[in-house]
Amino acid sequence: MHIVKPASMTKNRRIVIGDVHGHYDTLIALLDAVSPTSKDEIYFLGDLIDRGPKSAQVVDLVMRNKFHCLRGNHEEMLLDVVGTGEVSVDLYQSWLYSGGHATVDSYDSKIPQEHIDWIKGLPLYVDLGDYWLVHAGVDPNIPLANQSAEQFCWIREDFHGNDQVIFKNKLIITGHTITFTLPGVHPGQIAAGKGG
């Protein structure tokens, strides 16, 4: 399926999509509704895989269309299991419990090396000048240069509970945390805080 339509006279858009989690059919419906053109920039915030039934198709779609994509904590778990060439039984069981079984099933138990290498190459964040995209957030207690996948892919409370401004002239956009699990945010609402 060809997703991106020819450019029209519309303004370039930045389309940011978080946490697809293997829900390929829903992603296709979203892209059809948004109707991106070749002038639009599409960014995925990570967690393309796990939980939903079609992780392999989601990864293939994002790779094939050369959409921008970040690494999320679910890609981190996959790499912890298969990225080194050695499989840790404990890490494998933890990943399966976190939704990895759906990913394994979608690949018929064999993830192609091309997909593993592509996931390894995904950045942890993207700085667009006025927007800073990251999967989970930023730790306000650690200098940015000292942060790693541990913070960018996994952080929750320290980022969401932060009251200090991290970037003066940038808006931080994240996925990772279901917004209605945050205090005062209802299903369907976008969460916003002082830190970003």
Protein backbone atom coordinates (compact mmCIF):
# COMPACT_ATOMS: atom_id res chain seq x y z
CA MET A 1 0.00 0.00 0.00
CA HIS A 2 1.37 3.42 -0.97
CA ILE A 3 0.68 5.83 1.89
CA VAL A 4 2.10 9.21 0.91
CA LYS A 5 0.08 11.15 -1.64
CA PRO A 6 1.53 13.63 -4.17
CA ALA A 7 2.18 17.09 -2.77
CA SER A 8 -0.56 19.63 -3.19
CA MET A 9 -0.54 23.35 -2.51
CA THR A 10 -0.97 22.73 1.23
CA LYS A 11 1.58 23.80 3.82
CA ASN A 12 4.16 21.27 4.96
CA ARG A 13 3.07 19.49 8.12
CA ARG A 14 4.94 17.63 10.82
CA ILE A 15 2.89 14.59 11.71
CA VAL A 16 3.95 12.90 14.96
CA ILE A 17 2.66 9.42 15.80
CA GLY A 18 3.36 7.63 19.06
CA ASP A 19 3.19 4.02 20.19
CA VAL A 20 1.60 2.07 17.34
CA HIS A 21 2.32 -1.21 19.19
CA GLY A 22 1.73 -3.50 16.23
CA HIS A 23 -1.70 -2.12 15.34
CA TYR A 24 -1.07 -1.92 11.60
CA ASP A 25 -4.71 -1.65 10.52
CA THR A 26 -5.31 1.25 12.92
CA LEU A 27 -2.14 2.94 11.65
CA ILE A 28 -3.34 2.63 8.05
CA ALA A 29 -6.71 4.12 9.05
CA LEU A 30 -4.92 7.00 10.81
CA LEU A 31 -2.68 7.69 7.83
CA ASP A 32 -5.68 7.60 5.51
CA ALA A 33 -7.49 10.09 7.77
CA VAL A 34 -4.47 12.42 8.01
CA SER A 35 -3.80 12.02 4.28
CA PRO A 36 -0.10 12.97 4.27
CA THR A 37 1.52 14.36 1.13
CA SER A 38 5.13 14.07 -0.01
CA LYS A 39 5.76 17.53 1.52
CA ASP A 40 4.73 16.38 4.99
CA GLU A 41 7.25 15.00 7.49
CA ILE A 42 6.10 11.95 9.44
CA TYR A 43 7.76 11.07 12.75
CA PHE A 44 7.14 7.97 14.85
CA LEU A 45 8.02 8.21 18.55
CA GLY A 46 8.97 4.54 18.96
CA ASP A 47 7.12 1.49 20.25
CA LEU A 48 6.17 0.35 16.76
CA ILE A 49 6.16 -3.22 18.06
CA ASP A 50 4.62 -5.51 20.72
CA ARG A 51 1.07 -6.09 21.95
CA GLY A 52 -0.74 -5.71 18.61
CA PRO A 53 -0.93 -8.50 16.00
CA LYS A 54 1.05 -6.94 13.14
CA SER A 55 4.36 -5.56 14.44
CA ALA A 56 6.28 -6.94 11.44
CA GLN A 57 3.97 -5.09 9.03
CA VAL A 58 4.28 -1.83 11.00
CA VAL A 59 8.09 -1.98 10.99
CA ASP A 60 8.10 -2.86 7.30
CA LEU A 61 5.78 0.06 6.47
CA VAL A 62 7.85 2.61 8.39
CA MET A 63 11.12 1.27 6.92
CA ARG A 64 9.80 1.07 3.34
CA ASN A 65 8.40 4.62 3.41
CA LYS A 66 11.57 5.95 5.08
CA PHE A 67 9.53 7.69 7.77
CA HIS A 68 11.49 9.21 10.65
CA CYS A 69 11.37 6.97 13.71
CA LEU A 70 12.77 6.96 17.24
CA ARG A 71 13.59 4.00 19.42
CA GLY A 72 11.14 3.28 22.23
CA ASN A 73 11.36 1.06 25.28
CA HIS A 74 9.77 -1.87 23.40
CA GLU A 75 12.45 -1.67 20.70
CA GLU A 76 14.99 -1.52 23.55
CA MET A 77 13.56 -4.73 25.00
CA LEU A 78 13.73 -6.45 21.61
CA LEU A 79 17.37 -5.38 21.18
CA ASP A 80 18.20 -6.57 24.70
CA VAL A 81 16.94 -10.00 23.65
CA VAL A 82 18.14 -10.39 20.04
CA GLY A 83 20.41 -7.42 19.34
CA THR A 84 23.60 -8.93 20.73
CA GLY A 85 23.35 -12.37 19.15
CA GLU A 86 22.98 -13.99 22.57
CA VAL A 87 19.58 -14.62 24.11
CA SER A 88 19.04 -14.11 27.83
CA VAL A 89 16.19 -16.30 29.04
CA ASP A 90 15.23 -13.78 31.76
CA LEU A 91 15.16 -10.82 29.35
CA TYR A 92 13.30 -12.92 26.76
CA GLN A 93 10.58 -13.86 29.26
CA SER A 94 10.27 -10.26 30.43
CA TRP A 95 9.90 -9.03 26.83
CA LEU A 96 7.31 -11.74 26.03
CA TYR A 97 5.34 -10.71 29.13
CA SER A 98 5.43 -7.06 27.96
CA GLY A 99 3.83 -7.90 24.61
CA GLY A 100 6.79 -9.35 22.73
CA HIS A 101 4.92 -12.59 22.05
CA ALA A 102 2.75 -10.71 19.54
CA THR A 103 5.87 -9.45 17.77
CA VAL A 104 7.40 -12.93 17.63
CA ASP A 105 4.12 -14.28 16.20
CA SER A 106 3.90 -11.50 13.59
CA TYR A 107 7.37 -12.47 12.33
CA ASP A 108 6.58 -16.21 12.38
CA SER A 109 9.28 -16.56 15.08
CA LYS A 110 12.12 -15.21 12.88
CA ILE A 111 12.86 -11.47 12.91
CA PRO A 112 14.92 -10.59 9.82
CA GLN A 113 18.40 -9.21 10.48
CA GLU A 114 17.49 -6.23 8.26
CA HIS A 115 14.76 -5.23 10.74
CA ILE A 116 17.04 -5.75 13.76
CA ASP A 117 19.78 -3.62 12.15
CA TRP A 118 17.26 -0.89 11.29
CA ILE A 119 15.95 -0.84 14.88
CA LYS A 120 19.55 -0.66 16.20
CA GLY A 121 20.09 2.44 14.07
CA LEU A 122 17.06 4.34 15.36
CA PRO A 123 17.94 7.56 17.23
CA LEU A 124 16.87 8.13 20.82
CA TYR A 125 15.62 11.66 20.08
CA VAL A 126 15.27 14.17 17.25
CA ASP A 127 15.84 17.91 17.66
CA LEU A 128 13.76 19.83 15.12
CA GLY A 129 14.75 23.24 16.47
CA ASP A 130 11.37 24.26 17.85
CA TYR A 131 10.33 20.70 18.79
CA TRP A 132 12.28 17.99 20.56
CA LEU A 133 10.92 14.49 19.94
CA VAL A 134 11.69 11.66 22.35
CA HIS A 135 9.90 8.45 23.27
CA ALA A 136 9.49 8.78 27.05
CA GLY A 137 10.95 12.09 28.16
CA VAL A 138 14.01 13.72 29.69
CA ASP A 139 15.37 13.44 33.21
CA PRO A 140 15.45 16.99 34.64
CA ASN A 141 17.99 15.85 37.27
CA ILE A 142 20.72 14.72 34.83
CA PRO A 143 22.58 16.87 32.28
CA LEU A 144 21.21 16.13 28.82
CA ALA A 145 24.62 15.01 27.53
CA ASN A 146 24.75 12.31 30.25
CA GLN A 147 21.37 10.77 29.44
CA SER A 148 20.88 7.53 27.57
CA ALA A 149 18.19 5.08 26.49
CA GLU A 150 17.48 4.53 30.18
CA GLN A 151 16.04 8.04 30.44
CA PHE A 152 14.88 8.73 26.87
CA CYS A 153 13.03 5.42 26.48
CA TRP A 154 11.85 4.60 30.00
CA ILE A 155 11.40 7.69 32.23
CA ARG A 156 7.96 8.56 33.60
CA GLU A 157 7.48 10.15 37.03
CA ASP A 158 10.59 12.36 37.14
CA PHE A 159 9.71 13.81 33.73
CA HIS A 160 5.94 14.15 34.18
CA GLY A 161 6.25 15.49 37.71
CA ASN A 162 8.83 18.08 36.71
CA ASP A 163 8.02 21.79 37.11
CA GLN A 164 11.22 23.25 35.69
CA VAL A 165 11.59 24.24 32.04
CA ILE A 166 13.99 21.91 30.24
CA PHE A 167 14.21 23.85 26.95
CA LYS A 168 13.41 27.57 26.72
CA ASN A 169 12.40 27.59 23.06
CA LYS A 170 11.44 23.99 22.35
CA LEU A 171 8.35 21.93 22.96
CA ILE A 172 9.07 18.35 24.00
CA ILE A 173 6.75 15.81 22.37
CA THR A 174 6.64 12.28 23.81
CA GLY A 175 4.76 9.02 23.59
CA HIS A 176 5.24 6.17 26.12
CA THR A 177 2.76 7.18 28.84
CA ILE A 178 -0.98 6.84 28.29
CA THR A 179 -2.15 10.41 28.85
CA PHE A 180 -5.29 9.60 30.84
CA THR A 181 -3.11 7.91 33.47
CA LEU A 182 -1.77 11.35 34.37
CA PRO A 183 -3.54 13.43 37.04
CA GLY A 184 -6.38 15.57 35.65
CA VAL A 185 -6.11 14.26 32.08
CA HIS A 186 -9.12 12.51 30.56
CA PRO A 187 -9.22 10.03 27.65
CA GLY A 188 -8.72 11.85 24.38
CA GLN A 189 -6.98 14.85 25.92
CA ILE A 190 -3.39 15.84 25.22
CA ALA A 191 -1.27 16.19 28.34
CA ALA A 192 0.87 19.32 28.67
CA GLY A 193 3.27 20.36 31.40
CA LYS A 194 5.72 23.12 32.31
CA GLY A 195 8.80 21.01 31.67
CA GLY A 196 8.43 20.88 27.92
